[in-house]
Amino acid sequence: MEENENTFCPWCQTEIVWDPEIGPEEECPHCFNELSDYRSLKIAVSDGDNEVEDEEPASDVGKQLSNDDLWDDEPESEDAYREMVNQCMDTQLEAPDCAACRELMLFAGTQNVKNKHFTPVVPQALGVPFLSGPFEYHVYVCPSCFRVEHLLSEQDRKTMIDRLTLKKEQK
């Protein structure tokens, strides 16, 4: 890896600024992937008379798509995508960070869980389930890495807190 003061992670495309006294980072502080040349391919691409070297991450499991791979050389498509993501984000009350890349996630909808599809655990200390069906959770999708995450709905969070708090007060 070249020792620049600023570099971009080949996995999450986040700019990494490192302290010249400490030296370059060995792993990305955002996605925790290695930043060395290990798992990287250097590809020479001819662009007219110029030859450009491109560096793509390689993986044992499979190729991770970058945003450039998704847009087929149409930067205006990526700009339109980002603009619409930002507009959707502006209407959300809650936007959790993606666990993989720390990007804000888009609210995709609500999922209902019924009693017949959910078997609650009864902790010995509590004696009753702290979460029982039916309940709802919100589904979020990361617009960068497309990871899907679930978050208990606001009302069901309160119900869970009440159940755990009431049991403690009864002792």
N, C-alpha and C. Protein backbone atom coordinates (compact mmCIF):
# COMPACT_ATOMS: atom_id res chain seq x y z
N MET A 1 0.84 -1.18 0.00
CA MET A 1 0.00 0.00 0.00
C MET A 1 0.89 1.24 0.00
N GLU A 2 0.52 2.22 -0.78
CA GLU A 2 1.29 3.46 -0.80
C GLU A 2 1.09 4.20 0.50
N GLU A 3 2.11 4.89 0.94
CA GLU A 3 2.01 5.62 2.19
C GLU A 3 1.65 7.07 1.92
N ASN A 4 0.40 7.31 1.61
CA ASN A 4 -0.13 8.66 1.45
C ASN A 4 -0.67 9.13 2.79
N GLU A 5 -0.76 10.44 2.95
CA GLU A 5 -1.36 10.93 4.18
C GLU A 5 -2.86 10.64 4.19
N ASN A 6 -3.50 10.66 3.03
CA ASN A 6 -4.92 10.34 2.91
C ASN A 6 -5.07 9.24 1.89
N THR A 7 -5.89 8.26 2.21
CA THR A 7 -6.14 7.16 1.30
C THR A 7 -7.59 6.76 1.43
N PHE A 8 -8.08 5.95 0.52
CA PHE A 8 -9.44 5.47 0.57
C PHE A 8 -9.44 3.96 0.80
N CYS A 9 -10.34 3.50 1.62
CA CYS A 9 -10.49 2.07 1.87
C CYS A 9 -11.05 1.43 0.60
N PRO A 10 -10.42 0.37 0.07
CA PRO A 10 -10.95 -0.26 -1.14
C PRO A 10 -12.24 -1.03 -0.89
N TRP A 11 -12.62 -1.21 0.37
CA TRP A 11 -13.81 -1.98 0.70
C TRP A 11 -15.03 -1.10 0.89
N CYS A 12 -14.91 -0.02 1.65
CA CYS A 12 -16.08 0.82 1.94
C CYS A 12 -15.96 2.21 1.34
N GLN A 13 -14.87 2.49 0.62
CA GLN A 13 -14.61 3.76 -0.06
C GLN A 13 -14.61 4.96 0.89
N THR A 14 -14.27 4.74 2.15
CA THR A 14 -14.18 5.81 3.13
C THR A 14 -12.77 6.37 3.12
N GLU A 15 -12.66 7.70 3.15
CA GLU A 15 -11.34 8.31 3.19
C GLU A 15 -10.73 8.09 4.56
N ILE A 16 -9.48 7.69 4.58
CA ILE A 16 -8.79 7.42 5.84
C ILE A 16 -7.65 8.43 5.97
N VAL A 17 -7.71 9.23 7.00
CA VAL A 17 -6.67 10.22 7.27
C VAL A 17 -5.85 9.68 8.43
N TRP A 18 -4.55 9.56 8.22
CA TRP A 18 -3.70 9.02 9.27
C TRP A 18 -2.69 10.05 9.73
N ASP A 19 -2.25 9.87 10.93
CA ASP A 19 -1.28 10.77 11.55
C ASP A 19 0.12 10.42 11.07
N PRO A 20 0.89 11.39 10.53
CA PRO A 20 2.24 11.09 10.02
C PRO A 20 3.18 10.55 11.09
N GLU A 21 2.95 10.90 12.34
CA GLU A 21 3.80 10.40 13.42
C GLU A 21 3.56 8.92 13.71
N ILE A 22 2.33 8.50 13.61
CA ILE A 22 1.97 7.10 13.90
C ILE A 22 2.18 6.23 12.67
N GLY A 23 1.88 6.76 11.50
CA GLY A 23 2.02 6.01 10.26
C GLY A 23 0.67 5.59 9.72
N PRO A 24 0.69 4.86 8.61
CA PRO A 24 -0.58 4.47 7.99
C PRO A 24 -1.34 3.43 8.80
N GLU A 25 -2.64 3.45 8.63
CA GLU A 25 -3.51 2.47 9.30
C GLU A 25 -3.30 1.11 8.66
N GLU A 26 -3.39 0.05 9.47
CA GLU A 26 -3.29 -1.31 8.92
C GLU A 26 -4.66 -1.86 8.60
N GLU A 27 -5.70 -1.32 9.26
CA GLU A 27 -7.06 -1.73 8.95
C GLU A 27 -7.95 -0.50 8.96
N CYS A 28 -9.03 -0.57 8.19
CA CYS A 28 -9.95 0.56 8.07
C CYS A 28 -10.67 0.77 9.40
N PRO A 29 -10.68 1.99 9.94
CA PRO A 29 -11.37 2.23 11.21
C PRO A 29 -12.89 2.21 11.07
N HIS A 30 -13.40 2.15 9.84
CA HIS A 30 -14.85 2.16 9.62
C HIS A 30 -15.41 0.76 9.39
N CYS A 31 -14.77 -0.03 8.50
CA CYS A 31 -15.29 -1.37 8.20
C CYS A 31 -14.39 -2.48 8.73
N PHE A 32 -13.21 -2.12 9.28
CA PHE A 32 -12.27 -3.04 9.91
C PHE A 32 -11.68 -4.08 8.96
N ASN A 33 -11.67 -3.80 7.66
CA ASN A 33 -11.00 -4.67 6.70
C ASN A 33 -9.54 -4.26 6.59
N GLU A 34 -8.70 -5.22 6.16
CA GLU A 34 -7.27 -4.94 6.01
C GLU A 34 -7.03 -3.95 4.89
N LEU A 35 -6.06 -3.07 5.07
CA LEU A 35 -5.74 -2.07 4.06
C LEU A 35 -4.46 -2.39 3.30
N SER A 36 -3.83 -3.51 3.60
CA SER A 36 -2.61 -3.87 2.89
C SER A 36 -2.95 -4.34 1.48
N ASP A 37 -1.94 -4.65 0.68
CA ASP A 37 -2.17 -5.11 -0.68
C ASP A 37 -2.71 -6.54 -0.72
N TYR A 38 -2.71 -7.21 0.42
CA TYR A 38 -3.30 -8.54 0.49
C TYR A 38 -4.78 -8.43 0.13
N ARG A 39 -5.30 -9.32 -0.67
CA ARG A 39 -6.67 -9.34 -1.16
C ARG A 39 -6.97 -8.19 -2.12
N SER A 40 -5.97 -7.62 -2.76
CA SER A 40 -6.18 -6.55 -3.73
C SER A 40 -5.62 -6.98 -5.08
N LEU A 41 -6.32 -6.63 -6.12
CA LEU A 41 -5.88 -6.90 -7.48
C LEU A 41 -5.56 -5.58 -8.16
N LYS A 42 -4.48 -5.53 -8.90
CA LYS A 42 -4.15 -4.35 -9.69
C LYS A 42 -4.52 -4.66 -11.13
N ILE A 43 -5.38 -3.84 -11.70
CA ILE A 43 -5.88 -4.06 -13.05
C ILE A 43 -5.51 -2.86 -13.90
N ALA A 44 -4.82 -3.12 -15.01
CA ALA A 44 -4.47 -2.04 -15.93
C ALA A 44 -5.61 -1.86 -16.91
N VAL A 45 -6.11 -0.63 -17.02
CA VAL A 45 -7.22 -0.32 -17.88
C VAL A 45 -6.76 0.71 -18.89
N SER A 46 -7.03 0.46 -20.16
CA SER A 46 -6.63 1.38 -21.21
C SER A 46 -7.75 2.38 -21.45
N ASP A 47 -7.43 3.65 -21.33
CA ASP A 47 -8.40 4.73 -21.54
C ASP A 47 -7.87 5.63 -22.65
N GLY A 48 -8.08 5.22 -23.89
CA GLY A 48 -7.53 5.97 -25.01
C GLY A 48 -6.04 5.75 -25.07
N ASP A 49 -5.27 6.85 -24.96
CA ASP A 49 -3.81 6.77 -25.00
C ASP A 49 -3.22 6.54 -23.62
N ASN A 50 -4.01 6.77 -22.57
CA ASN A 50 -3.50 6.64 -21.21
C ASN A 50 -3.81 5.25 -20.67
N GLU A 51 -2.91 4.76 -19.85
CA GLU A 51 -3.14 3.50 -19.18
C GLU A 51 -3.29 3.79 -17.69
N VAL A 52 -4.41 3.36 -17.12
CA VAL A 52 -4.74 3.67 -15.74
C VAL A 52 -4.73 2.37 -14.96
N GLU A 53 -4.12 2.38 -13.76
CA GLU A 53 -4.17 1.20 -12.90
C GLU A 53 -5.30 1.36 -11.92
N ASP A 54 -6.11 0.34 -11.82
CA ASP A 54 -7.24 0.35 -10.92
C ASP A 54 -6.98 -0.72 -9.87
N GLU A 55 -7.38 -0.45 -8.64
CA GLU A 55 -7.18 -1.42 -7.57
C GLU A 55 -8.54 -1.83 -7.04
N GLU A 56 -8.83 -3.11 -7.11
CA GLU A 56 -10.09 -3.65 -6.65
C GLU A 56 -9.83 -4.66 -5.54
N PRO A 57 -10.64 -4.67 -4.48
CA PRO A 57 -10.46 -5.69 -3.45
C PRO A 57 -10.91 -7.05 -3.97
N ALA A 58 -10.19 -8.09 -3.58
CA ALA A 58 -10.57 -9.45 -3.93
C ALA A 58 -10.90 -10.18 -2.65
N SER A 59 -11.80 -11.12 -2.71
CA SER A 59 -12.22 -11.82 -1.51
C SER A 59 -12.25 -13.31 -1.76
N ASP A 60 -12.01 -14.09 -0.70
CA ASP A 60 -12.10 -15.53 -0.81
C ASP A 60 -13.55 -15.97 -0.98
N VAL A 61 -14.49 -15.24 -0.39
CA VAL A 61 -15.89 -15.62 -0.43
C VAL A 61 -16.54 -15.21 -1.74
N GLY A 62 -16.24 -14.07 -2.25
CA GLY A 62 -16.84 -13.57 -3.48
C GLY A 62 -16.50 -12.11 -3.63
N LYS A 63 -16.74 -11.57 -4.79
CA LYS A 63 -16.39 -10.19 -5.06
C LYS A 63 -17.41 -9.26 -4.42
N GLN A 64 -16.94 -8.29 -3.69
CA GLN A 64 -17.80 -7.27 -3.11
C GLN A 64 -17.97 -6.17 -4.15
N LEU A 65 -19.21 -5.86 -4.46
CA LEU A 65 -19.46 -4.84 -5.48
C LEU A 65 -19.25 -3.46 -4.91
N SER A 66 -18.59 -2.63 -5.68
CA SER A 66 -18.47 -1.23 -5.30
C SER A 66 -19.59 -0.47 -5.98
N ASN A 67 -19.80 0.76 -5.58
CA ASN A 67 -20.83 1.58 -6.21
C ASN A 67 -20.58 1.73 -7.70
N ASP A 68 -19.30 1.78 -8.12
CA ASP A 68 -18.98 1.92 -9.54
C ASP A 68 -19.45 0.72 -10.33
N ASP A 69 -19.40 -0.48 -9.74
CA ASP A 69 -19.84 -1.68 -10.44
C ASP A 69 -21.34 -1.67 -10.70
N LEU A 70 -22.10 -1.00 -9.84
CA LEU A 70 -23.55 -1.01 -9.96
C LEU A 70 -24.08 -0.05 -11.01
N TRP A 71 -23.29 0.92 -11.42
CA TRP A 71 -23.82 2.00 -12.26
C TRP A 71 -23.41 1.90 -13.72
N ASP A 72 -22.62 0.93 -14.10
CA ASP A 72 -22.26 0.73 -15.51
C ASP A 72 -21.79 2.02 -16.18
N ASP A 73 -20.82 2.68 -15.61
CA ASP A 73 -20.21 3.87 -16.18
C ASP A 73 -21.18 5.02 -16.39
N GLU A 74 -22.23 5.12 -15.56
CA GLU A 74 -23.17 6.23 -15.65
C GLU A 74 -23.15 6.99 -14.33
N PRO A 75 -22.26 7.97 -14.17
CA PRO A 75 -22.19 8.69 -12.90
C PRO A 75 -23.47 9.43 -12.56
N GLU A 76 -24.24 9.84 -13.58
CA GLU A 76 -25.48 10.55 -13.28
C GLU A 76 -26.49 9.63 -12.59
N SER A 77 -26.43 8.31 -12.86
CA SER A 77 -27.29 7.36 -12.18
C SER A 77 -26.95 7.29 -10.70
N GLU A 78 -25.66 7.29 -10.39
CA GLU A 78 -25.24 7.26 -8.99
C GLU A 78 -25.64 8.55 -8.30
N ASP A 79 -25.50 9.68 -8.98
CA ASP A 79 -25.90 10.96 -8.39
C ASP A 79 -27.40 10.99 -8.13
N ALA A 80 -28.18 10.49 -9.07
CA ALA A 80 -29.63 10.44 -8.90
C ALA A 80 -30.01 9.51 -7.74
N TYR A 81 -29.29 8.40 -7.64
CA TYR A 81 -29.52 7.45 -6.55
C TYR A 81 -29.24 8.11 -5.20
N ARG A 82 -28.08 8.75 -5.07
CA ARG A 82 -27.70 9.41 -3.82
C ARG A 82 -28.69 10.53 -3.47
N GLU A 83 -29.12 11.27 -4.48
CA GLU A 83 -30.07 12.36 -4.24
C GLU A 83 -31.39 11.81 -3.70
N MET A 84 -31.88 10.73 -4.29
CA MET A 84 -33.14 10.14 -3.83
C MET A 84 -32.97 9.51 -2.44
N VAL A 85 -31.82 8.89 -2.17
CA VAL A 85 -31.56 8.35 -0.84
C VAL A 85 -31.62 9.47 0.19
N ASN A 86 -31.00 10.60 -0.10
CA ASN A 86 -31.00 11.74 0.82
C ASN A 86 -32.41 12.29 1.02
N GLN A 87 -33.22 12.34 -0.04
CA GLN A 87 -34.59 12.82 0.09
C GLN A 87 -35.42 11.88 0.97
N CYS A 88 -35.24 10.59 0.78
CA CYS A 88 -35.94 9.61 1.61
C CYS A 88 -35.49 9.70 3.06
N MET A 89 -34.20 9.89 3.27
CA MET A 89 -33.63 9.99 4.61
C MET A 89 -34.20 11.19 5.36
N ASP A 90 -34.47 12.29 4.64
CA ASP A 90 -35.00 13.51 5.26
C ASP A 90 -36.38 13.30 5.85
N THR A 91 -37.13 12.31 5.38
CA THR A 91 -38.49 12.07 5.87
C THR A 91 -38.54 11.09 7.03
N GLN A 92 -37.42 10.47 7.37
CA GLN A 92 -37.38 9.47 8.43
C GLN A 92 -37.24 10.10 9.80
N LEU A 93 -37.92 9.51 10.80
CA LEU A 93 -37.77 9.96 12.18
C LEU A 93 -36.53 9.35 12.82
N GLU A 94 -36.16 8.18 12.35
CA GLU A 94 -35.05 7.43 12.93
C GLU A 94 -34.22 6.84 11.80
N ALA A 95 -32.91 6.91 11.91
CA ALA A 95 -32.02 6.34 10.91
C ALA A 95 -30.80 5.75 11.62
N PRO A 96 -30.85 4.45 11.93
CA PRO A 96 -29.71 3.83 12.60
C PRO A 96 -28.50 3.73 11.68
N ASP A 97 -27.32 3.63 12.28
CA ASP A 97 -26.09 3.42 11.52
C ASP A 97 -25.98 1.96 11.13
N CYS A 98 -25.50 1.71 9.93
CA CYS A 98 -25.25 0.35 9.46
C CYS A 98 -24.08 -0.24 10.27
N ALA A 99 -24.23 -1.45 10.74
CA ALA A 99 -23.18 -2.10 11.53
C ALA A 99 -21.95 -2.41 10.67
N ALA A 100 -22.14 -2.57 9.36
CA ALA A 100 -21.03 -2.93 8.49
C ALA A 100 -20.21 -1.73 8.04
N CYS A 101 -20.90 -0.66 7.58
CA CYS A 101 -20.16 0.45 6.98
C CYS A 101 -20.45 1.81 7.62
N ARG A 102 -21.28 1.84 8.64
CA ARG A 102 -21.60 3.06 9.40
C ARG A 102 -22.38 4.11 8.61
N GLU A 103 -22.93 3.74 7.47
CA GLU A 103 -23.79 4.63 6.68
C GLU A 103 -25.16 4.67 7.34
N LEU A 104 -25.89 5.79 7.23
CA LEU A 104 -27.24 5.84 7.74
C LEU A 104 -28.13 4.93 6.90
N MET A 105 -29.08 4.25 7.57
CA MET A 105 -29.91 3.26 6.88
C MET A 105 -31.29 3.83 6.53
N LEU A 106 -31.86 3.30 5.46
CA LEU A 106 -33.19 3.70 5.00
C LEU A 106 -34.26 2.82 5.64
N PHE A 107 -35.35 3.44 6.07
CA PHE A 107 -36.48 2.70 6.61
C PHE A 107 -37.23 2.07 5.45
N ALA A 108 -37.36 0.72 5.46
CA ALA A 108 -37.99 0.00 4.36
C ALA A 108 -39.43 -0.40 4.67
N GLY A 109 -39.76 -0.55 5.95
CA GLY A 109 -41.12 -0.95 6.29
C GLY A 109 -41.19 -1.60 7.65
N THR A 110 -42.38 -2.13 7.97
CA THR A 110 -42.64 -2.74 9.26
C THR A 110 -43.04 -4.20 9.06
N GLN A 111 -42.53 -5.06 9.91
CA GLN A 111 -42.86 -6.49 9.86
C GLN A 111 -43.60 -6.84 11.15
N ASN A 112 -44.72 -7.55 11.02
CA ASN A 112 -45.49 -8.01 12.17
C ASN A 112 -45.12 -9.45 12.48
N VAL A 113 -44.92 -9.75 13.76
CA VAL A 113 -44.61 -11.11 14.19
C VAL A 113 -45.78 -11.59 15.03
N LYS A 114 -46.38 -12.66 14.61
CA LYS A 114 -47.53 -13.23 15.32
C LYS A 114 -47.05 -14.29 16.31
N ASN A 115 -47.93 -14.70 17.23
CA ASN A 115 -47.59 -15.72 18.22
C ASN A 115 -47.18 -17.03 17.59
N LYS A 116 -47.85 -17.44 16.50
CA LYS A 116 -47.55 -18.75 15.91
C LYS A 116 -46.20 -18.79 15.21
N HIS A 117 -45.61 -17.63 14.92
CA HIS A 117 -44.32 -17.57 14.24
C HIS A 117 -43.17 -17.23 15.19
N PHE A 118 -43.48 -17.05 16.45
CA PHE A 118 -42.45 -16.61 17.39
C PHE A 118 -42.58 -17.41 18.68
N THR A 119 -41.49 -18.01 19.13
CA THR A 119 -41.47 -18.73 20.40
C THR A 119 -40.59 -17.95 21.36
N PRO A 120 -41.20 -17.28 22.34
CA PRO A 120 -40.40 -16.46 23.25
C PRO A 120 -39.59 -17.29 24.23
N VAL A 121 -38.50 -16.71 24.67
CA VAL A 121 -37.65 -17.31 25.70
C VAL A 121 -38.12 -16.78 27.04
N VAL A 122 -38.15 -17.64 28.05
CA VAL A 122 -38.53 -17.23 29.40
C VAL A 122 -37.28 -17.26 30.26
N PRO A 123 -36.68 -16.09 30.51
CA PRO A 123 -35.48 -16.06 31.36
C PRO A 123 -35.83 -16.50 32.78
N GLN A 124 -34.96 -17.28 33.36
CA GLN A 124 -35.21 -17.80 34.71
C GLN A 124 -35.36 -16.66 35.72
N ALA A 125 -34.59 -15.62 35.60
CA ALA A 125 -34.65 -14.49 36.53
C ALA A 125 -35.97 -13.75 36.44
N LEU A 126 -36.58 -13.74 35.26
CA LEU A 126 -37.81 -12.97 35.05
C LEU A 126 -39.05 -13.84 35.25
N GLY A 127 -39.02 -15.08 34.81
CA GLY A 127 -40.16 -15.98 34.98
C GLY A 127 -41.22 -15.86 33.90
N VAL A 128 -41.19 -14.82 33.11
CA VAL A 128 -42.12 -14.61 32.00
C VAL A 128 -41.31 -14.07 30.82
N PRO A 129 -41.84 -14.21 29.61
CA PRO A 129 -41.11 -13.65 28.47
C PRO A 129 -41.12 -12.12 28.52
N PHE A 130 -39.98 -11.51 28.21
CA PHE A 130 -39.95 -10.04 28.15
C PHE A 130 -40.42 -9.53 26.80
N LEU A 131 -40.50 -10.43 25.82
CA LEU A 131 -41.01 -10.09 24.49
C LEU A 131 -41.87 -11.25 24.01
N SER A 132 -43.14 -10.98 23.78
CA SER A 132 -44.02 -12.03 23.26
C SER A 132 -44.87 -11.46 22.15
N GLY A 133 -45.26 -12.34 21.24
CA GLY A 133 -46.04 -11.90 20.09
C GLY A 133 -47.47 -11.57 20.47
N PRO A 134 -48.14 -10.84 19.65
CA PRO A 134 -47.62 -10.22 18.44
C PRO A 134 -46.83 -8.95 18.76
N PHE A 135 -45.83 -8.68 17.94
CA PHE A 135 -45.06 -7.45 18.05
C PHE A 135 -44.60 -7.05 16.67
N GLU A 136 -44.08 -5.82 16.56
CA GLU A 136 -43.62 -5.30 15.28
C GLU A 136 -42.16 -4.92 15.37
N TYR A 137 -41.48 -5.03 14.24
CA TYR A 137 -40.15 -4.45 14.14
C TYR A 137 -40.01 -3.75 12.81
N HIS A 138 -39.14 -2.75 12.81
CA HIS A 138 -38.89 -1.96 11.61
C HIS A 138 -37.73 -2.57 10.84
N VAL A 139 -37.84 -2.55 9.53
CA VAL A 139 -36.81 -3.10 8.65
C VAL A 139 -36.06 -1.92 8.02
N TYR A 140 -34.72 -1.95 8.14
CA TYR A 140 -33.87 -0.90 7.58
C TYR A 140 -32.89 -1.53 6.58
N VAL A 141 -32.60 -0.79 5.50
CA VAL A 141 -31.66 -1.25 4.48
C VAL A 141 -30.58 -0.20 4.30
N CYS A 142 -29.34 -0.63 4.27
CA CYS A 142 -28.22 0.29 4.05
C CYS A 142 -28.14 0.62 2.56
N PRO A 143 -28.14 1.90 2.19
CA PRO A 143 -28.07 2.27 0.77
C PRO A 143 -26.68 2.08 0.17
N SER A 144 -25.67 1.82 1.01
CA SER A 144 -24.31 1.63 0.50
C SER A 144 -23.94 0.16 0.33
N CYS A 145 -24.11 -0.63 1.40
CA CYS A 145 -23.71 -2.04 1.32
C CYS A 145 -24.91 -2.99 1.27
N PHE A 146 -26.12 -2.45 1.36
CA PHE A 146 -27.38 -3.19 1.23
C PHE A 146 -27.60 -4.22 2.33
N ARG A 147 -27.00 -4.00 3.48
CA ARG A 147 -27.24 -4.84 4.65
C ARG A 147 -28.65 -4.54 5.17
N VAL A 148 -29.36 -5.55 5.66
CA VAL A 148 -30.70 -5.39 6.20
C VAL A 148 -30.63 -5.60 7.71
N GLU A 149 -31.26 -4.70 8.45
CA GLU A 149 -31.30 -4.82 9.91
C GLU A 149 -32.71 -4.59 10.41
N HIS A 150 -32.99 -5.13 11.59
CA HIS A 150 -34.32 -5.01 12.20
C HIS A 150 -34.19 -4.29 13.53
N LEU A 151 -35.20 -3.49 13.86
CA LEU A 151 -35.22 -2.75 15.11
C LEU A 151 -36.64 -2.80 15.66
N LEU A 152 -36.78 -3.18 16.91
CA LEU A 152 -38.09 -3.30 17.55
C LEU A 152 -38.82 -1.96 17.47
N SER A 153 -40.13 -1.99 17.21
CA SER A 153 -40.91 -0.76 17.10
C SER A 153 -40.93 -0.01 18.43
N GLU A 154 -41.20 1.25 18.36
CA GLU A 154 -41.19 2.12 19.55
C GLU A 154 -42.15 1.60 20.63
N GLN A 155 -43.38 1.24 20.24
CA GLN A 155 -44.37 0.76 21.20
C GLN A 155 -43.92 -0.54 21.85
N ASP A 156 -43.37 -1.44 21.07
CA ASP A 156 -42.92 -2.72 21.62
C ASP A 156 -41.65 -2.58 22.46
N ARG A 157 -40.84 -1.56 22.18
CA ARG A 157 -39.69 -1.27 23.05
C ARG A 157 -40.19 -0.87 24.44
N LYS A 158 -41.21 0.00 24.46
CA LYS A 158 -41.78 0.45 25.74
C LYS A 158 -42.39 -0.71 26.50
N THR A 159 -43.09 -1.59 25.79
CA THR A 159 -43.70 -2.76 26.42
C THR A 159 -42.63 -3.66 27.04
N MET A 160 -41.55 -3.87 26.31
CA MET A 160 -40.45 -4.69 26.82
C MET A 160 -39.83 -4.06 28.07
N ILE A 161 -39.60 -2.76 28.04
CA ILE A 161 -39.03 -2.06 29.19
C ILE A 161 -39.96 -2.16 30.38
N ASP A 162 -41.27 -1.98 30.14
CA ASP A 162 -42.25 -2.08 31.23
C ASP A 162 -42.24 -3.47 31.85
N ARG A 163 -42.19 -4.51 31.03
CA ARG A 163 -42.20 -5.89 31.55
C ARG A 163 -40.96 -6.15 32.40
N LEU A 164 -39.81 -5.68 31.95
CA LEU A 164 -38.58 -5.91 32.71
C LEU A 164 -38.55 -5.05 33.97
N THR A 165 -39.08 -3.87 33.92
CA THR A 165 -39.10 -2.97 35.08
C THR A 165 -40.11 -3.42 36.11
N LEU A 166 -41.31 -3.82 35.71
CA LEU A 166 -42.35 -4.23 36.65
C LEU A 166 -41.92 -5.46 37.45
N LYS A 167 -41.26 -6.40 36.81
CA LYS A 167 -40.83 -7.61 37.50
C LYS A 167 -39.82 -7.26 38.60
N LYS A 168 -38.93 -6.32 38.33
CA LYS A 168 -37.93 -5.92 39.31
C LYS A 168 -38.59 -5.21 40.49
N GLU A 169 -39.62 -4.39 40.21
CA GLU A 169 -40.30 -3.64 41.27
C GLU A 169 -41.12 -4.56 42.17
N GLN A 170 -41.57 -5.71 41.64
CA GLN A 170 -42.37 -6.65 42.43
C GLN A 170 -41.55 -7.42 43.43
N LYS A 171 -40.24 -7.49 43.24
CA LYS A 171 -39.39 -8.27 44.15
C LYS A 171 -39.20 -7.58 45.47
